Amino acid sequence: MKGIVFTEFFQLVETLFGTDMVDDIIDDCELETDGAYTAVGTYNHVELLHLVGALSKHSNIPVKDLVYKYGHHLFSRFSELMPHFFEEPQSAFEFLESVHDTIHVEVKKLYPEANLPSFKTTREDDKTLIMVYESQCPFADFAHGLMAGCIDFYKEDIEIDSEDQNTDEMYSRIFTLKKK
């Protein structure tokens, strides 16, 4: 997992809970990195799971809710940090349809070792987009938060329903996005 995911997570924790909380969750976890990340480094996704678990314990907020909130937050940060990805898409559906074949391709050029999830999209009609998330990492709630952040960015009224389709080898969730 790219380091920007970790560094931005710490920024969000600091904003919402203060710097002491960042120190507390790092202290609670046995991390190979000791909690030291750079935005361009690559790190084991398990460390993020441990950090979120520790934050859940300290904040009494369920992990699922924290991961969703973080995904939502990170989308807005991506729009600030990487505005070139937001130049062409004119809607949430257009942006989400570009993730796998455009954005992830560009990320892989910069970071060939990046282990990115797969997103397959299908437009059922003008008001419905089906998005299938597949990954070896359990971050479907994070993806859900990113999608919600995208919808807010484009100021659209879209409802997201989802259904897990996990297997022993793969985490998978089918998201159905419907314009209201």
Protein backbone atom coordinates (compact mmCIF):
# COMPACT_ATOMS: atom_id res chain seq x y z
CA MET A 1 0.00 0.00 0.00
CA LYS A 2 1.34 3.42 -0.91
CA GLY A 3 2.58 5.59 1.92
CA ILE A 4 0.26 8.45 1.05
CA VAL A 5 -2.58 6.33 2.43
CA PHE A 6 -0.77 6.16 5.78
CA THR A 7 0.39 9.78 5.91
CA GLU A 8 -3.08 11.08 5.04
CA PHE A 9 -4.60 8.75 7.63
CA PHE A 10 -2.43 10.30 10.32
CA GLN A 11 -3.42 13.78 9.12
CA LEU A 12 -7.10 12.88 9.47
CA VAL A 13 -6.59 11.34 12.92
CA GLU A 14 -4.71 14.42 14.06
CA THR A 15 -7.44 16.72 12.71
CA LEU A 16 -10.29 14.78 14.30
CA PHE A 17 -8.71 13.54 17.53
CA GLY A 18 -5.44 15.44 18.07
CA THR A 19 -1.76 14.57 17.95
CA ASP A 20 -1.90 12.56 21.16
CA MET A 21 -4.27 10.11 19.47
CA VAL A 22 -1.77 9.56 16.64
CA ASP A 23 0.90 8.73 19.23
CA ASP A 24 -1.50 6.50 21.17
CA ILE A 25 -2.51 4.36 18.19
CA ILE A 26 1.10 3.98 17.04
CA ASP A 27 2.10 2.96 20.58
CA ASP A 28 -0.71 0.36 20.65
CA CYS A 29 0.51 -1.35 17.49
CA GLU A 30 3.57 -3.45 16.83
CA LEU A 31 4.53 -2.01 13.45
CA GLU A 32 7.54 -2.98 11.35
CA THR A 33 7.88 0.70 10.45
CA ASP A 34 7.34 1.97 14.01
CA GLY A 35 4.74 4.28 12.46
CA ALA A 36 7.21 6.12 10.21
CA TYR A 37 5.88 6.47 6.65
CA THR A 38 6.70 8.56 3.61
CA ALA A 39 4.07 9.43 1.02
CA VAL A 40 5.97 7.64 -1.78
CA GLY A 41 7.00 4.54 0.17
CA THR A 42 5.25 1.18 -0.05
CA TYR A 43 4.08 -0.53 3.12
CA ASN A 44 2.19 -3.60 4.26
CA HIS A 45 -1.57 -2.94 4.29
CA VAL A 46 -1.81 -4.93 7.53
CA GLU A 47 -0.22 -2.00 9.36
CA LEU A 48 -3.13 0.22 8.34
CA LEU A 49 -5.55 -2.41 9.61
CA HIS A 50 -3.76 -2.42 12.97
CA LEU A 51 -3.78 1.38 13.17
CA VAL A 52 -7.49 1.61 12.35
CA GLY A 53 -8.21 -1.12 14.91
CA ALA A 54 -6.32 0.84 17.56
CA LEU A 55 -8.16 4.02 16.62
CA SER A 56 -11.46 2.18 16.92
CA LYS A 57 -10.51 0.99 20.39
CA HIS A 58 -9.54 4.50 21.53
CA SER A 59 -12.45 6.32 19.89
CA ASN A 60 -15.22 3.73 20.35
CA ILE A 61 -16.09 4.15 16.66
CA PRO A 62 -16.53 0.90 14.69
CA VAL A 63 -13.69 0.05 12.28
CA LYS A 64 -16.14 -0.08 9.36
CA ASP A 65 -17.24 3.50 10.06
CA LEU A 66 -13.67 4.77 10.46
CA VAL A 67 -12.52 3.17 7.20
CA TYR A 68 -15.53 4.59 5.33
CA LYS A 69 -14.95 8.08 6.77
CA TYR A 70 -11.28 7.88 5.86
CA GLY A 71 -12.08 6.88 2.26
CA HIS A 72 -14.45 9.84 1.99
CA HIS A 73 -11.80 12.17 3.35
CA LEU A 74 -9.05 10.79 1.12
CA PHE A 75 -11.06 11.41 -2.04
CA SER A 76 -11.15 15.13 -1.29
CA ARG A 77 -7.41 15.08 -0.60
CA PHE A 78 -6.77 13.29 -3.91
CA SER A 79 -8.75 16.01 -5.72
CA GLU A 80 -6.44 18.60 -4.14
CA LEU A 81 -3.17 16.69 -4.59
CA MET A 82 -3.79 15.28 -8.08
CA PRO A 83 -6.08 17.72 -9.90
CA HIS A 84 -5.07 16.40 -13.35
CA PHE A 85 -7.21 13.29 -12.75
CA PHE A 86 -10.26 15.53 -12.35
CA GLU A 87 -9.91 17.61 -15.52
CA GLU A 88 -11.86 15.42 -17.96
CA PRO A 89 -14.58 13.61 -16.01
CA GLN A 90 -17.73 15.73 -15.78
CA SER A 91 -19.66 13.52 -13.37
CA ALA A 92 -19.21 10.99 -10.60
CA PHE A 93 -20.06 8.15 -12.98
CA GLU A 94 -17.48 9.34 -15.52
CA PHE A 95 -14.82 9.64 -12.83
CA LEU A 96 -15.57 6.23 -11.31
CA GLU A 97 -15.52 4.63 -14.75
CA SER A 98 -12.02 6.06 -15.26
CA VAL A 99 -10.49 4.64 -12.08
CA HIS A 100 -9.38 1.22 -13.30
CA ASP A 101 -8.36 1.95 -16.89
CA THR A 102 -6.98 5.46 -16.48
CA ILE A 103 -6.06 6.37 -12.92
CA HIS A 104 -4.74 2.97 -11.84
CA VAL A 105 -2.77 2.68 -15.10
CA GLU A 106 -1.06 5.99 -14.33
CA VAL A 107 -0.40 4.96 -10.73
CA LYS A 108 1.18 1.69 -11.96
CA LYS A 109 3.49 3.67 -14.28
CA LEU A 110 4.77 5.65 -11.30
CA TYR A 111 4.70 2.79 -8.80
CA PRO A 112 4.95 -0.58 -10.58
CA GLU A 113 5.02 -2.42 -7.25
CA ALA A 114 1.67 -0.95 -6.16
CA ASN A 115 -0.94 -3.60 -5.35
CA LEU A 116 -4.12 -1.90 -6.51
CA PRO A 117 -7.66 -3.22 -6.30
CA SER A 118 -9.64 -3.95 -9.42
CA PHE A 119 -12.73 -1.91 -10.29
CA LYS A 120 -14.99 -3.12 -13.08
CA THR A 121 -17.83 -0.84 -14.10
CA THR A 122 -20.99 -1.38 -16.10
CA ARG A 123 -23.63 1.22 -16.93
CA GLU A 124 -27.03 -0.37 -16.74
CA ASP A 125 -28.70 2.85 -17.91
CA ASP A 126 -28.23 6.63 -17.56
CA LYS A 127 -29.05 6.47 -13.85
CA THR A 128 -27.36 3.24 -12.75
CA LEU A 129 -23.69 2.29 -12.50
CA ILE A 130 -22.55 -1.10 -11.24
CA MET A 131 -19.05 -1.10 -9.81
CA VAL A 132 -17.33 -4.33 -8.75
CA TYR A 133 -14.47 -4.04 -6.26
CA GLU A 134 -11.99 -6.92 -6.02
CA SER A 135 -8.84 -7.00 -3.93
CA GLN A 136 -6.67 -9.23 -1.80
CA CYS A 137 -7.02 -6.55 0.90
CA PRO A 138 -10.19 -6.05 2.97
CA PHE A 139 -10.87 -2.43 2.04
CA ALA A 140 -14.33 -2.46 0.44
CA ASP A 141 -15.56 0.01 3.09
CA PHE A 142 -12.65 2.28 2.16
CA ALA A 143 -13.68 2.03 -1.52
CA HIS A 144 -17.26 2.83 -0.47
CA GLY A 145 -16.04 5.97 1.29
CA LEU A 146 -14.01 6.99 -1.76
CA MET A 147 -17.13 6.61 -3.93
CA ALA A 148 -19.17 8.73 -1.51
CA GLY A 149 -16.41 11.35 -1.58
CA CYS A 150 -16.55 11.32 -5.38
CA ILE A 151 -20.31 11.83 -5.34
CA ASP A 152 -19.92 14.79 -2.97
CA PHE A 153 -17.11 16.24 -5.11
CA TYR A 154 -19.39 16.29 -8.16
CA LYS A 155 -22.35 17.48 -6.03
CA GLU A 156 -24.65 14.75 -7.28
CA ASP A 157 -27.54 12.95 -5.61
CA ILE A 158 -26.57 9.29 -5.92
CA GLU A 159 -27.47 6.42 -3.61
CA ILE A 160 -25.00 3.56 -3.08
CA ASP A 161 -26.11 0.03 -2.27
CA SER A 162 -23.66 -2.81 -1.93
CA GLU A 163 -23.41 -6.54 -1.51
CA ASP A 164 -20.35 -8.52 -0.42
CA GLN A 165 -19.26 -11.36 -2.69
CA ASN A 166 -16.10 -12.41 -0.81
CA THR A 167 -14.37 -15.72 -1.48
CA ASP A 168 -11.50 -17.44 0.30
CA GLU A 169 -9.07 -15.87 -2.20
CA MET A 170 -10.59 -12.45 -2.84
CA TYR A 171 -12.48 -9.64 -1.16
CA SER A 172 -15.25 -8.54 -3.48
CA ARG A 173 -18.19 -6.18 -3.22
CA ILE A 174 -20.71 -5.18 -5.84
CA PHE A 175 -21.72 -1.53 -5.57
CA THR A 176 -24.88 -0.28 -7.25
CA LEU A 177 -24.95 3.49 -7.68
CA LYS A 178 -28.31 5.03 -8.62
CA LYS A 179 -28.94 8.64 -9.49
CA LYS A 180 -32.02 10.01 -7.74
